[in-house]
C-alpha atoms as a PDB file:
ATOM      1  CA  MET A   1     -74.712 108.322  53.196  1.00  0.00           C
ATOM      2  CA  LYS A   2     -73.064 105.721  50.941  1.00  0.00           C
ATOM      3  CA  LYS A   3     -71.989 102.454  52.493  1.00  0.00           C
ATOM      4  CA  GLU A   4     -68.247 101.930  52.524  1.00  0.00           C
ATOM      5  CA  ILE A   5     -67.159  99.162  50.157  1.00  0.00           C
ATOM      6  CA  LYS A   6     -64.377  96.818  51.242  1.00  0.00           C
ATOM      7  CA  ILE A   7     -62.815  94.270  48.914  1.00  0.00           C
ATOM      8  CA  LEU A   8     -60.272  91.533  49.570  1.00  0.00           C
ATOM      9  CA  ALA A   9     -58.021  91.016  46.537  1.00  0.00           C
ATOM     10  CA  ILE A  10     -55.622  88.168  45.777  1.00  0.00           C
ATOM     11  CA  GLU A  11     -52.750  88.255  43.250  1.00  0.00           C
ATOM     12  CA  SER A  12     -50.623  85.234  42.263  1.00  0.00           C
ATOM     13  CA  SER A  13     -50.024  85.587  38.528  1.00  0.00           C
ATOM     14  CA  CYS A  14     -46.242  85.079  38.614  1.00  0.00           C
ATOM     15  CA  ASP A  15     -43.896  84.852  41.601  1.00  0.00           C
ATOM     16  CA  GLU A  16     -45.463  87.226  44.132  1.00  0.00           C
ATOM     17  CA  THR A  17     -48.110  85.940  46.534  1.00  0.00           C
ATOM     18  CA  ALA A  18     -50.148  88.971  47.528  1.00  0.00           C
ATOM     19  CA  ALA A  19     -53.361  89.959  49.291  1.00  0.00           C
ATOM     20  CA  SER A  20     -54.817  93.376  49.979  1.00  0.00           C
ATOM     21  CA  ILE A  21     -57.940  94.993  51.355  1.00  0.00           C
ATOM     22  CA  ILE A  22     -59.105  98.333  49.999  1.00  0.00           C
ATOM     23  CA  ALA A  23     -62.006 100.473  51.186  1.00  0.00           C
ATOM     24  CA  ASP A  24     -63.992 102.860  49.007  1.00  0.00           C
ATOM     25  CA  ASP A  25     -65.890 105.512  50.970  1.00  0.00           C
ATOM     26  CA  GLY A  26     -67.452 107.031  47.880  1.00  0.00           C
ATOM     27  CA  ASN A  27     -64.876 109.803  47.622  1.00  0.00           C
ATOM     28  CA  SER A  28     -61.501 108.079  47.743  1.00  0.00           C
ATOM     29  CA  LEU A  29     -59.779 104.717  48.039  1.00  0.00           C
ATOM     30  CA  HIS A  30     -58.054 103.658  51.253  1.00  0.00           C
ATOM     31  CA  ILE A  31     -55.503 100.848  51.387  1.00  0.00           C
ATOM     32  CA  LEU A  32     -56.194  98.985  54.637  1.00  0.00           C
ATOM     33  CA  SER A  33     -53.582  96.296  54.008  1.00  0.00           C
ATOM     34  CA  ASN A  34     -51.184  95.176  51.292  1.00  0.00           C
ATOM     35  CA  ILE A  35     -49.176  92.029  51.996  1.00  0.00           C
ATOM     36  CA  ILE A  36     -46.625  90.549  49.571  1.00  0.00           C
ATOM     37  CA  ALA A  37     -44.576  87.371  49.887  1.00  0.00           C
ATOM     38  CA  SER A  38     -41.790  87.741  47.327  1.00  0.00           C
ATOM     39  CA  GLN A  39     -39.959  84.863  45.661  1.00  0.00           C
ATOM     40  CA  ILE A  40     -37.210  86.945  44.040  1.00  0.00           C
ATOM     41  CA  ASP A  41     -34.421  85.493  46.167  1.00  0.00           C
ATOM     42  CA  ILE A  42     -35.542  81.964  45.255  1.00  0.00           C
ATOM     43  CA  HIS A  43     -35.675  82.515  41.491  1.00  0.00           C
ATOM     44  CA  LYS A  44     -32.589  84.736  41.371  1.00  0.00           C
ATOM     45  CA  GLN A  45     -30.330  81.680  41.436  1.00  0.00           C
ATOM     46  CA  TYR A  46     -31.981  80.428  38.215  1.00  0.00           C
ATOM     47  CA  GLY A  47     -31.899  83.764  36.402  1.00  0.00           C
ATOM     48  CA  GLY A  48     -35.682  83.775  35.967  1.00  0.00           C
ATOM     49  CA  VAL A  49     -38.965  82.448  37.304  1.00  0.00           C
ATOM     50  CA  ILE A  50     -39.349  78.652  37.404  1.00  0.00           C
ATOM     51  CA  PRO A  51     -43.122  77.965  37.156  1.00  0.00           C
ATOM     52  CA  GLU A  52     -43.125  74.755  39.210  1.00  0.00           C
ATOM     53  CA  ILE A  53     -41.212  76.382  42.054  1.00  0.00           C
ATOM     54  CA  ALA A  54     -43.408  79.493  41.907  1.00  0.00           C
ATOM     55  CA  ALA A  55     -46.595  77.409  42.210  1.00  0.00           C
ATOM     56  CA  ARG A  56     -45.217  75.467  45.158  1.00  0.00           C
ATOM     57  CA  GLU A  57     -44.309  78.666  46.983  1.00  0.00           C
ATOM     58  CA  HIS A  58     -47.755  80.132  46.275  1.00  0.00           C
ATOM     59  CA  CYS A  59     -49.359  77.066  47.872  1.00  0.00           C
ATOM     60  CA  ARG A  60     -47.152  77.534  50.907  1.00  0.00           C
ATOM     61  CA  ASN A  61     -47.746  81.289  51.240  1.00  0.00           C
ATOM     62  CA  ILE A  62     -51.306  81.989  50.121  1.00  0.00           C
ATOM     63  CA  ILE A  63     -53.236  81.329  53.358  1.00  0.00           C
ATOM     64  CA  PRO A  64     -50.717  83.089  55.650  1.00  0.00           C
ATOM     65  CA  VAL A  65     -50.681  86.088  53.278  1.00  0.00           C
ATOM     66  CA  VAL A  66     -54.485  86.333  53.197  1.00  0.00           C
ATOM     67  CA  ASN A  67     -54.652  86.000  56.978  1.00  0.00           C
ATOM     68  CA  SER A  68     -52.037  88.735  57.384  1.00  0.00           C
ATOM     69  CA  ALA A  69     -53.989  91.040  55.072  1.00  0.00           C
ATOM     70  CA  LEU A  70     -57.186  90.461  57.076  1.00  0.00           C
ATOM     71  CA  LYS A  71     -55.396  91.005  60.376  1.00  0.00           C
ATOM     72  CA  GLU A  72     -53.677  94.204  59.236  1.00  0.00           C
ATOM     73  CA  ALA A  73     -57.051  95.550  58.061  1.00  0.00           C
ATOM     74  CA  GLY A  74     -58.611  94.763  61.437  1.00  0.00           C
ATOM     75  CA  LEU A  75     -60.638  91.834  60.158  1.00  0.00           C
ATOM     76  CA  SER A  76     -60.776  88.160  61.085  1.00  0.00           C
ATOM     77  CA  GLY A  77     -62.565  85.118  59.803  1.00  0.00           C
ATOM     78  CA  SER A  78     -65.475  85.727  62.160  1.00  0.00           C
ATOM     79  CA  ASN A  79     -66.260  89.254  60.935  1.00  0.00           C
ATOM     80  CA  ALA A  80     -64.858  89.198  57.414  1.00  0.00           C
ATOM     81  CA  THR A  81     -68.190  88.151  55.939  1.00  0.00           C
ATOM     82  CA  GLN A  82     -69.863  91.148  57.573  1.00  0.00           C
ATOM     83  CA  GLU A  83     -67.183  93.718  56.700  1.00  0.00           C
ATOM     84  CA  LEU A  84     -66.279  92.612  53.178  1.00  0.00           C
ATOM     85  CA  GLN A  85     -68.499  93.153  50.154  1.00  0.00           C
ATOM     86  CA  ALA A  86     -66.573  91.041  47.633  1.00  0.00           C
ATOM     87  CA  ILE A  87     -63.454  89.009  46.885  1.00  0.00           C
ATOM     88  CA  ALA A  88     -61.334  89.823  43.831  1.00  0.00           C
ATOM     89  CA  VAL A  89     -58.623  87.725  42.227  1.00  0.00           C
ATOM     90  CA  THR A  90     -56.273  87.879  39.261  1.00  0.00           C
ATOM     91  CA  THR A  91     -57.453  85.314  36.698  1.00  0.00           C
ATOM     92  CA  GLY A  92     -54.895  86.116  33.988  1.00  0.00           C
ATOM     93  CA  PRO A  93     -52.688  86.629  32.134  1.00  0.00           C
ATOM     94  CA  GLY A  94     -49.814  84.875  33.865  1.00  0.00           C
ATOM     95  CA  LEU A  95     -48.402  81.463  34.708  1.00  0.00           C
ATOM     96  CA  ILE A  96     -51.271  78.963  34.804  1.00  0.00           C
ATOM     97  CA  THR A  97     -50.012  77.033  37.841  1.00  0.00           C
ATOM     98  CA  SER A  98     -49.492  80.268  39.780  1.00  0.00           C
ATOM     99  CA  LEU A  99     -52.859  81.714  38.766  1.00  0.00           C
ATOM    100  CA  MET A 100     -54.677  78.547  39.838  1.00  0.00           C
ATOM    101  CA  VAL A 101     -53.504  78.906  43.437  1.00  0.00           C
ATOM    102  CA  GLY A 102     -55.018  82.360  43.771  1.00  0.00           C
ATOM    103  CA  VAL A 103     -58.174  81.496  41.842  1.00  0.00           C
ATOM    104  CA  GLU A 104     -58.924  78.341  43.850  1.00  0.00           C
ATOM    105  CA  THR A 105     -58.320  80.197  47.113  1.00  0.00           C
ATOM    106  CA  ALA A 106     -60.707  82.976  46.063  1.00  0.00           C
ATOM    107  CA  ARG A 107     -63.320  80.460  44.932  1.00  0.00           C
ATOM    108  CA  SER A 108     -63.164  78.633  48.250  1.00  0.00           C
ATOM    109  CA  LEU A 109     -63.476  81.822  50.294  1.00  0.00           C
ATOM    110  CA  SER A 110     -66.335  83.055  48.104  1.00  0.00           C
ATOM    111  CA  TYR A 111     -68.241  79.815  48.676  1.00  0.00           C
ATOM    112  CA  ALA A 112     -67.509  79.632  52.396  1.00  0.00           C
ATOM    113  CA  TRP A 113     -68.196  83.309  53.127  1.00  0.00           C
ATOM    114  CA  LYS A 114     -71.017  83.716  50.586  1.00  0.00           C
ATOM    115  CA  LEU A 115     -69.352  86.751  49.018  1.00  0.00           C
ATOM    116  CA  PRO A 116     -69.447  87.685  45.301  1.00  0.00           C
ATOM    117  CA  LEU A 117     -66.342  87.175  43.167  1.00  0.00           C
ATOM    118  CA  ILE A 118     -64.677  89.662  40.838  1.00  0.00           C
ATOM    119  CA  SER A 119     -62.345  88.410  38.094  1.00  0.00           C
ATOM    120  CA  VAL A 120     -59.572  90.943  37.439  1.00  0.00           C
ATOM    121  CA  ASN A 121     -57.234  91.091  34.473  1.00  0.00           C
ATOM    122  CA  HIS A 122     -53.654  91.486  35.712  1.00  0.00           C
ATOM    123  CA  ILE A 123     -52.948  94.273  33.211  1.00  0.00           C
ATOM    124  CA  ALA A 124     -56.094  96.131  34.321  1.00  0.00           C
ATOM    125  CA  GLY A 125     -54.699  95.888  37.839  1.00  0.00           C
ATOM    126  CA  HIS A 126     -51.483  97.601  36.765  1.00  0.00           C
ATOM    127  CA  ILE A 127     -53.521 100.318  35.073  1.00  0.00           C
ATOM    128  CA  TYR A 128     -55.694 100.908  38.143  1.00  0.00           C
ATOM    129  CA  ALA A 129     -52.664 101.200  40.399  1.00  0.00           C
ATOM    130  CA  ASN A 130     -52.709 104.776  39.117  1.00  0.00           C
ATOM    131  CA  TRP A 131     -55.934 105.418  41.010  1.00  0.00           C
ATOM    132  CA  LEU A 132     -54.511 104.323  44.368  1.00  0.00           C
ATOM    133  CA  ASN A 133     -53.275 107.807  45.231  1.00  0.00           C
ATOM    134  CA  ASN A 134     -56.686 109.274  44.314  1.00  0.00           C
ATOM    135  CA  GLN A 135     -55.387 111.566  41.600  1.00  0.00           C
ATOM    136  CA  SER A 136     -57.788 113.281  39.220  1.00  0.00           C
ATOM    137  CA  ILE A 137     -57.438 111.534  35.857  1.00  0.00           C
ATOM    138  CA  GLN A 138     -59.159 112.958  32.796  1.00  0.00           C
ATOM    139  CA  PHE A 139     -60.475 110.824  29.956  1.00  0.00           C
ATOM    140  CA  PRO A 140     -59.600 110.027  27.282  1.00  0.00           C
ATOM    141  CA  CYS A 141     -56.279 108.854  28.663  1.00  0.00           C
ATOM    142  CA  LEU A 142     -53.471 106.807  27.190  1.00  0.00           C
ATOM    143  CA  VAL A 143     -51.832 104.114  29.301  1.00  0.00           C
ATOM    144  CA  MET A 144     -48.378 102.724  28.600  1.00  0.00           C
ATOM    145  CA  THR A 145     -48.353  99.375  30.394  1.00  0.00           C
ATOM    146  CA  VAL A 146     -44.889  97.891  30.405  1.00  0.00           C
ATOM    147  CA  SER A 147     -43.519  94.941  32.362  1.00  0.00           C
ATOM    148  CA  GLY A 148     -41.779  91.614  31.940  1.00  0.00           C
ATOM    149  CA  GLY A 149     -44.712  89.959  30.218  1.00  0.00           C
ATOM    150  CA  HIS A 150     -46.512  92.709  28.342  1.00  0.00           C
ATOM    151  CA  ASN A 151     -45.974  95.961  26.477  1.00  0.00           C
ATOM    152  CA  LEU A 152     -49.278  97.612  25.580  1.00  0.00           C
ATOM    153  CA  LEU A 153     -50.471 101.073  24.681  1.00  0.00           C
ATOM    154  CA  VAL A 154     -54.061 101.255  25.886  1.00  0.00           C
ATOM    155  CA  LEU A 155     -56.581 103.990  25.100  1.00  0.00           C
ATOM    156  CA  MET A 156     -59.243 104.505  27.781  1.00  0.00           C
ATOM    157  CA  THR A 157     -62.302 106.626  27.011  1.00  0.00           C
ATOM    158  CA  ASP A 158     -63.864 105.858  30.403  1.00  0.00           C
ATOM    159  CA  HIS A 159     -63.477 103.489  33.341  1.00  0.00           C
ATOM    160  CA  LEU A 160     -63.096  99.833  32.289  1.00  0.00           C
ATOM    161  CA  LYS A 161     -63.199 100.750  28.587  1.00  0.00           C
ATOM    162  CA  TYR A 162     -59.963  99.607  26.963  1.00  0.00           C
ATOM    163  CA  LYS A 163     -58.754  99.773  23.372  1.00  0.00           C
ATOM    164  CA  ILE A 164     -55.304  98.387  22.620  1.00  0.00           C
ATOM    165  CA  VAL A 165     -53.615 100.682  20.097  1.00  0.00           C
ATOM    166  CA  GLY A 166     -50.073  99.324  20.406  1.00  0.00           C
ATOM    167  CA  ASP A 167     -48.501  95.963  21.274  1.00  0.00           C
ATOM    168  CA  THR A 168     -45.108  94.291  21.273  1.00  0.00           C
ATOM    169  CA  LYS A 169     -44.202  92.054  18.348  1.00  0.00           C
ATOM    170  CA  ASP A 170     -41.774  89.977  20.398  1.00  0.00           C
ATOM    171  CA  ASP A 171     -40.154  90.630  23.781  1.00  0.00           C
ATOM    172  CA  ALA A 172     -41.713  93.008  26.269  1.00  0.00           C
ATOM    173  CA  ALA A 173     -39.379  95.662  27.689  1.00  0.00           C
ATOM    174  CA  GLY A 174     -39.085  93.929  31.065  1.00  0.00           C
ATOM    175  CA  GLU A 175     -38.119  90.666  29.391  1.00  0.00           C
ATOM    176  CA  ALA A 176     -35.563  92.524  27.294  1.00  0.00           C
ATOM    177  CA  PHE A 177     -34.077  94.055  30.443  1.00  0.00           C
ATOM    178  CA  ASP A 178     -33.733  90.575  31.967  1.00  0.00           C
ATOM    179  CA  LYS A 179     -31.985  89.229  28.871  1.00  0.00           C
ATOM    180  CA  ALA A 180     -29.725  92.291  28.593  1.00  0.00           C
ATOM    181  CA  ALA A 181     -28.713  91.980  32.238  1.00  0.00           C
ATOM    182  CA  LYS A 182     -27.858  88.319  31.661  1.00  0.00           C
ATOM    183  CA  ILE A 183     -25.700  89.241  28.650  1.00  0.00           C
ATOM    184  CA  LEU A 184     -23.858  91.809  30.773  1.00  0.00           C
ATOM    185  CA  GLY A 185     -23.555  89.479  33.766  1.00  0.00           C
ATOM    186  CA  LEU A 186     -25.559  91.790  36.025  1.00  0.00           C
ATOM    187  CA  GLY A 187     -27.955  89.275  37.549  1.00  0.00           C
ATOM    188  CA  TYR A 188     -31.730  89.033  38.007  1.00  0.00           C
ATOM    189  CA  PRO A 189     -34.133  90.808  37.935  1.00  0.00           C
ATOM    190  CA  GLY A 190     -32.747  92.699  34.980  1.00  0.00           C
ATOM    191  CA  GLY A 191     -34.521  96.041  35.239  1.00  0.00           C
ATOM    192  CA  PRO A 192     -33.103  97.118  38.605  1.00  0.00           C
ATOM    193  CA  ALA A 193     -29.708  95.589  37.728  1.00  0.00           C
ATOM    194  CA  ILE A 194     -29.443  97.570  34.480  1.00  0.00           C
ATOM    195  CA  ALA A 195     -30.600 100.778  36.192  1.00  0.00           C
ATOM    196  CA  LYS A 196     -28.030 100.386  38.964  1.00  0.00           C
ATOM    197  CA  ALA A 197     -25.176  99.740  36.543  1.00  0.00           C
ATOM    198  CA  ALA A 198     -26.073 102.399  33.966  1.00  0.00           C
ATOM    199  CA  GLN A 199     -23.469 105.185  33.833  1.00  0.00           C
ATOM    200  CA  ILE A 200     -22.146 107.374  31.049  1.00  0.00           C
ATOM    201  CA  ASP A 201     -18.589 106.473  30.090  1.00  0.00           C
ATOM    202  CA  GLU A 202     -16.873 109.441  28.427  1.00  0.00           C
ATOM    203  CA  GLN A 203     -14.018 107.204  27.263  1.00  0.00           C
ATOM    204  CA  PHE A 204     -16.202 104.518  25.645  1.00  0.00           C
ATOM    205  CA  LYS A 205     -19.255 105.228  23.492  1.00  0.00           C
ATOM    206  CA  VAL A 206     -21.938 102.690  22.641  1.00  0.00           C
ATOM    207  CA  LYS A 207     -24.715 103.133  20.093  1.00  0.00           C
ATOM    208  CA  LEU A 208     -27.659 100.726  19.945  1.00  0.00           C
ATOM    209  CA  PRO A 209     -30.616 100.830  17.516  1.00  0.00           C
ATOM    210  CA  ARG A 210     -34.132 102.016  18.373  1.00  0.00           C
ATOM    211  CA  PRO A 211     -36.254  99.323  16.638  1.00  0.00           C
ATOM    212  CA  MET A 212     -39.590 100.412  15.105  1.00  0.00           C
ATOM    213  CA  LEU A 213     -39.130 103.963  16.353  1.00  0.00           C
ATOM    214  CA  HIS A 214     -40.511 105.344  13.084  1.00  0.00           C
ATOM    215  CA  SER A 215     -42.607 102.386  11.947  1.00  0.00           C
ATOM    216  CA  GLY A 216     -45.741 104.479  11.443  1.00  0.00           C
ATOM    217  CA  ASP A 217     -47.696 102.510  14.056  1.00  0.00           C
ATOM    218  CA  PHE A 218     -47.614 102.211  17.850  1.00  0.00           C
ATOM    219  CA  ASN A 219     -46.187  98.696  18.113  1.00  0.00           C
ATOM    220  CA  PHE A 220     -42.916  97.725  19.757  1.00  0.00           C
ATOM    221  CA  SER A 221     -40.034  95.326  19.211  1.00  0.00           C
ATOM    222  CA  PHE A 222     -37.263  94.811  21.752  1.00  0.00           C
ATOM    223  CA  SER A 223     -35.806  91.503  20.534  1.00  0.00           C
ATOM    224  CA  GLY A 224     -33.597  93.218  17.953  1.00  0.00           C
ATOM    225  CA  LEU A 225     -32.305  95.648  20.558  1.00  0.00           C
ATOM    226  CA  LYS A 226     -31.293  92.771  22.796  1.00  0.00           C
ATOM    227  CA  THR A 227     -29.610  90.995  19.861  1.00  0.00           C
ATOM    228  CA  ALA A 228     -27.715  94.148  18.896  1.00  0.00           C
ATOM    229  CA  LEU A 229     -26.402  94.385  22.451  1.00  0.00           C
ATOM    230  CA  LEU A 230     -25.330  90.735  22.362  1.00  0.00           C
ATOM    231  CA  TYR A 231     -23.388  91.178  19.091  1.00  0.00           C
ATOM    232  CA  GLN A 232     -21.620  94.314  20.310  1.00  0.00           C
ATOM    233  CA  VAL A 233     -20.601  92.675  23.571  1.00  0.00           C
ATOM    234  CA  GLN A 234     -19.315  89.602  21.718  1.00  0.00           C
ATOM    235  CA  LYS A 235     -17.148  91.804  19.483  1.00  0.00           C
ATOM    236  CA  ASP A 236     -15.785  93.828  22.402  1.00  0.00           C
ATOM    237  CA  LYS A 237     -12.871  91.924  23.926  1.00  0.00           C
ATOM    238  CA  ALA A 238     -12.888  94.312  26.879  1.00  0.00           C
ATOM    239  CA  ALA A 239     -16.686  94.242  27.340  1.00  0.00           C
ATOM    240  CA  LYS A 240     -16.430  93.491  31.050  1.00  0.00           C
ATOM    241  CA  ASN A 241     -14.742  96.871  31.471  1.00  0.00           C
ATOM    242  CA  HIS A 242     -17.560  98.673  29.668  1.00  0.00           C
ATOM    243  CA  THR A 243     -20.595  97.198  31.422  1.00  0.00           C
ATOM    244  CA  ASN A 244     -21.766 100.596  32.708  1.00  0.00           C
ATOM    245  CA  ALA A 245     -21.752 102.112  29.213  1.00  0.00           C
ATOM    246  CA  TYR A 246     -23.662  99.190  27.697  1.00  0.00           C
ATOM    247  CA  ALA A 247     -26.229  99.309  30.494  1.00  0.00           C
ATOM    248  CA  GLU A 248     -26.652 103.065  30.116  1.00  0.00           C
ATOM    249  CA  GLU A 249     -27.204 102.903  26.367  1.00  0.00           C
ATOM    250  CA  PHE A 250     -29.596  99.954  26.609  1.00  0.00           C
ATOM    251  CA  GLU A 251     -31.704 101.688  29.272  1.00  0.00           C
ATOM    252  CA  GLN A 252     -31.789 104.899  27.224  1.00  0.00           C
ATOM    253  CA  ALA A 253     -32.763 103.012  24.067  1.00  0.00           C
ATOM    254  CA  VAL A 254     -35.750 101.406  25.810  1.00  0.00           C
ATOM    255  CA  THR A 255     -36.691 104.781  27.288  1.00  0.00           C
ATOM    256  CA  ASP A 256     -36.502 106.511  23.890  1.00  0.00           C
ATOM    257  CA  ILE A 257     -38.693 103.892  22.219  1.00  0.00           C
ATOM    258  CA  ILE A 258     -41.386 103.871  24.893  1.00  0.00           C
ATOM    259  CA  THR A 259     -41.484 107.659  25.204  1.00  0.00           C
ATOM    260  CA  THR A 260     -41.604 108.328  21.456  1.00  0.00           C
ATOM    261  CA  LYS A 261     -44.351 105.797  20.763  1.00  0.00           C
ATOM    262  CA  THR A 262     -46.424 106.970  23.730  1.00  0.00           C
ATOM    263  CA  LEU A 263     -46.283 110.618  22.715  1.00  0.00           C
ATOM    264  CA  GLN A 264     -47.077 109.774  19.085  1.00  0.00           C
ATOM    265  CA  ALA A 265     -50.182 107.858  20.156  1.00  0.00           C
ATOM    266  CA  ALA A 266     -51.243 110.556  22.635  1.00  0.00           C
ATOM    267  CA  LYS A 267     -51.119 113.127  19.832  1.00  0.00           C
ATOM    268  CA  LYS A 268     -53.134 110.996  17.423  1.00  0.00           C
ATOM    269  CA  TYR A 269     -55.878 110.170  19.910  1.00  0.00           C
ATOM    270  CA  LYS A 270     -55.937 113.644  21.494  1.00  0.00           C
ATOM    271  CA  THR A 271     -55.693 112.275  25.017  1.00  0.00           C
ATOM    272  CA  LYS A 272     -55.877 114.500  28.085  1.00  0.00           C
ATOM    273  CA  THR A 273     -53.726 112.335  30.341  1.00  0.00           C
ATOM    274  CA  ILE A 274     -50.848 109.869  29.975  1.00  0.00           C
ATOM    275  CA  MET A 275     -50.383 107.072  32.485  1.00  0.00           C
ATOM    276  CA  LEU A 276     -47.425 104.759  32.979  1.00  0.00           C
ATOM    277  CA  ALA A 277     -48.089 101.341  34.498  1.00  0.00           C
ATOM    278  CA  GLY A 278     -46.427  97.977  35.098  1.00  0.00           C
ATOM    279  CA  GLY A 279     -43.210  96.833  36.704  1.00  0.00           C
ATOM    280  CA  VAL A 280     -40.916  98.738  34.322  1.00  0.00           C
ATOM    281  CA  SER A 281     -42.703 101.978  35.291  1.00  0.00           C
ATOM    282  CA  ALA A 282     -40.531 101.846  38.424  1.00  0.00           C
ATOM    283  CA  ASN A 283     -37.534 102.772  36.253  1.00  0.00           C
ATOM    284  CA  LYS A 284     -36.462 106.266  37.313  1.00  0.00           C
ATOM    285  CA  ARG A 285     -34.989 107.218  33.938  1.00  0.00           C
ATOM    286  CA  LEU A 286     -38.216 106.272  32.130  1.00  0.00           C
ATOM    287  CA  ARG A 287     -40.422 108.064  34.669  1.00  0.00           C
ATOM    288  CA  ALA A 288     -38.402 111.288  34.459  1.00  0.00           C
ATOM    289  CA  PHE A 289     -37.851 111.243  30.682  1.00  0.00           C
ATOM    290  CA  LEU A 290     -41.476 110.524  29.739  1.00  0.00           C
ATOM    291  CA  THR A 291     -42.781 113.091  32.234  1.00  0.00           C
ATOM    292  CA  ALA A 292     -40.480 115.823  30.942  1.00  0.00           C
ATOM    293  CA  LYS A 293     -41.225 115.152  27.269  1.00  0.00           C
ATOM    294  CA  ALA A 294     -44.994 114.932  27.858  1.00  0.00           C
ATOM    295  CA  LEU A 295     -45.111 118.119  29.914  1.00  0.00           C
ATOM    296  CA  GLY A 296     -43.323 119.812  27.048  1.00  0.00           C
ATOM    297  CA  GLN A 297     -46.416 118.989  24.984  1.00  0.00           C
ATOM    298  CA  GLY A 298     -48.779 120.122  27.735  1.00  0.00           C
ATOM    299  CA  LEU A 299     -49.767 116.613  28.819  1.00  0.00           C
ATOM    300  CA  PRO A 300     -49.807 115.547  32.488  1.00  0.00           C
ATOM    301  CA  VAL A 301     -48.272 112.157  33.296  1.00  0.00           C
ATOM    302  CA  ILE A 302     -49.721 110.004  36.071  1.00  0.00           C
ATOM    303  CA  ILE A 303     -47.501 107.265  37.518  1.00  0.00           C
ATOM    304  CA  ALA A 304     -48.394 104.954  40.380  1.00  0.00           C
ATOM    305  CA  PRO A 305     -46.391 105.241  43.618  1.00  0.00           C
ATOM    306  CA  LEU A 306     -43.319 102.982  43.479  1.00  0.00           C
ATOM    307  CA  PRO A 307     -44.637 100.311  45.908  1.00  0.00           C
ATOM    308  CA  TYR A 308     -47.577  99.671  43.567  1.00  0.00           C
ATOM    309  CA  THR A 309     -45.750  99.484  40.237  1.00  0.00           C
ATOM    310  CA  THR A 310     -44.622  95.871  40.600  1.00  0.00           C
ATOM    311  CA  ASP A 311     -47.019  92.954  41.184  1.00  0.00           C
ATOM    312  CA  ASN A 312     -49.205  93.492  44.240  1.00  0.00           C
ATOM    313  CA  ALA A 313     -52.819  92.952  45.304  1.00  0.00           C
ATOM    314  CA  ALA A 314     -53.684  96.581  46.070  1.00  0.00           C
ATOM    315  CA  MET A 315     -53.757  97.289  42.337  1.00  0.00           C
ATOM    316  CA  ILE A 316     -56.071  94.293  41.837  1.00  0.00           C
ATOM    317  CA  ALA A 317     -58.366  95.616  44.559  1.00  0.00           C
ATOM    318  CA  SER A 318     -58.342  99.065  42.947  1.00  0.00           C
ATOM    319  CA  ALA A 319     -59.536  97.672  39.612  1.00  0.00           C
ATOM    320  CA  ALA A 320     -62.060  95.493  41.454  1.00  0.00           C
ATOM    321  CA  ILE A 321     -63.635  98.512  43.147  1.00  0.00           C
ATOM    322  CA  PHE A 322     -64.581  99.949  39.754  1.00  0.00           C
ATOM    323  CA  GLN A 323     -65.768  96.541  38.528  1.00  0.00           C
ATOM    324  CA  TYR A 324     -67.868  96.202  41.691  1.00  0.00           C
ATOM    325  CA  HIS A 325     -69.666  99.455  40.952  1.00  0.00           C
ATOM    326  CA  ALA A 326     -70.174  98.289  37.347  1.00  0.00           C
ATOM    327  CA  GLY A 327     -71.696  95.019  38.548  1.00  0.00           C
ATOM    328  CA  GLN A 328     -69.001  92.849  36.979  1.00  0.00           C
ATOM    329  CA  PHE A 329     -69.197  89.643  39.050  1.00  0.00           C
ATOM    330  CA  THR A 330     -68.429  86.006  38.237  1.00  0.00           C
ATOM    331  CA  PRO A 331     -70.160  83.049  39.996  1.00  0.00           C
ATOM    332  CA  TRP A 332     -67.652  81.032  42.011  1.00  0.00           C
ATOM    333  CA  HIS A 333     -68.362  77.843  40.043  1.00  0.00           C
ATOM    334  CA  LYS A 334     -67.576  79.611  36.733  1.00  0.00           C
ATOM    335  CA  LEU A 335     -64.375  81.373  37.745  1.00  0.00           C
ATOM    336  CA  LYS A 336     -61.306  79.971  35.959  1.00  0.00           C
ATOM    337  CA  ALA A 337     -57.674  80.904  35.513  1.00  0.00           C
ATOM    338  CA  ASN A 338     -56.738  81.958  31.981  1.00  0.00           C
ATOM    339  CA  PRO A 339     -53.000  82.393  31.311  1.00  0.00           C
ATOM    340  CA  ASN A 340     -53.756  84.122  27.990  1.00  0.00           C
ATOM    341  CA  LEU A 341     -56.524  86.420  29.216  1.00  0.00           C
ATOM    342  CA  LYS A 342     -56.912  89.482  26.985  1.00  0.00           C
ATOM    343  CA  LEU A 343     -57.628  93.016  28.122  1.00  0.00           C
ATOM    344  CA  LYS A 344     -61.075  94.009  26.876  1.00  0.00           C
END
């Protein structure tokens, strides 16, 4: 009988302080705890994340969040060393001052508890959120990872084997949503604000471009889309009366671009599964549109449950489980935060 593997994971790459414990019984993954201390209300007043404030809040929250995760999983400091097999932490990409809080906490616990450390790429965490509901995923699979900081099309031929086949040339989709929401006066974060406002206006039609839709590659560009929205709003003297129409067209434009590029890449690489990952994968229009179009081509689409699409530590623990079995450990004295860490 295989020994159950339990891993404590820590995530602090941006403005969410998170800790989670996941157990692997050899057949499926079980989330024992998943604690998140959000800073959205703090950064909302600035219209975006302020790195210095985020780091300060991480310092304030990290130990209580880890303790809460241990408690919820039925562990405590006295028996954690006996029940846990490893500690995982996001080492990048992200904000360096935020990453350092999580990394230094993980290093300290690894040294004190004499547990091995697993360095997890934040994007890999988003990808492995799709394994949290224990779905059967066939390789090769194509992963569309889309959030505020990244926009990647990743081909996976097996676990932990990544090949980036598409990237963004400027803004990621999540960043574009934030900027579009600011242009329309809808607030922060932009993705949910745009989605809430988006409605078809039969009396007022808007048409925005779909940049690089037929570029012949699988790369993205959302900066021009955002600029086109800005120019149209500036020309429209009654723009404040047409916010719903602008939001609807912008959301559909992003959805069209992501869906088209993903399906083009899936066809070229003959993938058996498509996965959607990252914070923007919470968008209902994108989830429904991509799923419908892919199923029309006979391709199943796997999307993580909504609670695990945005930044959280359960996704980091999920990736760490597979890295644990692959023997991918980092000595505590060599572990470092890397804000520009690449997926490889």
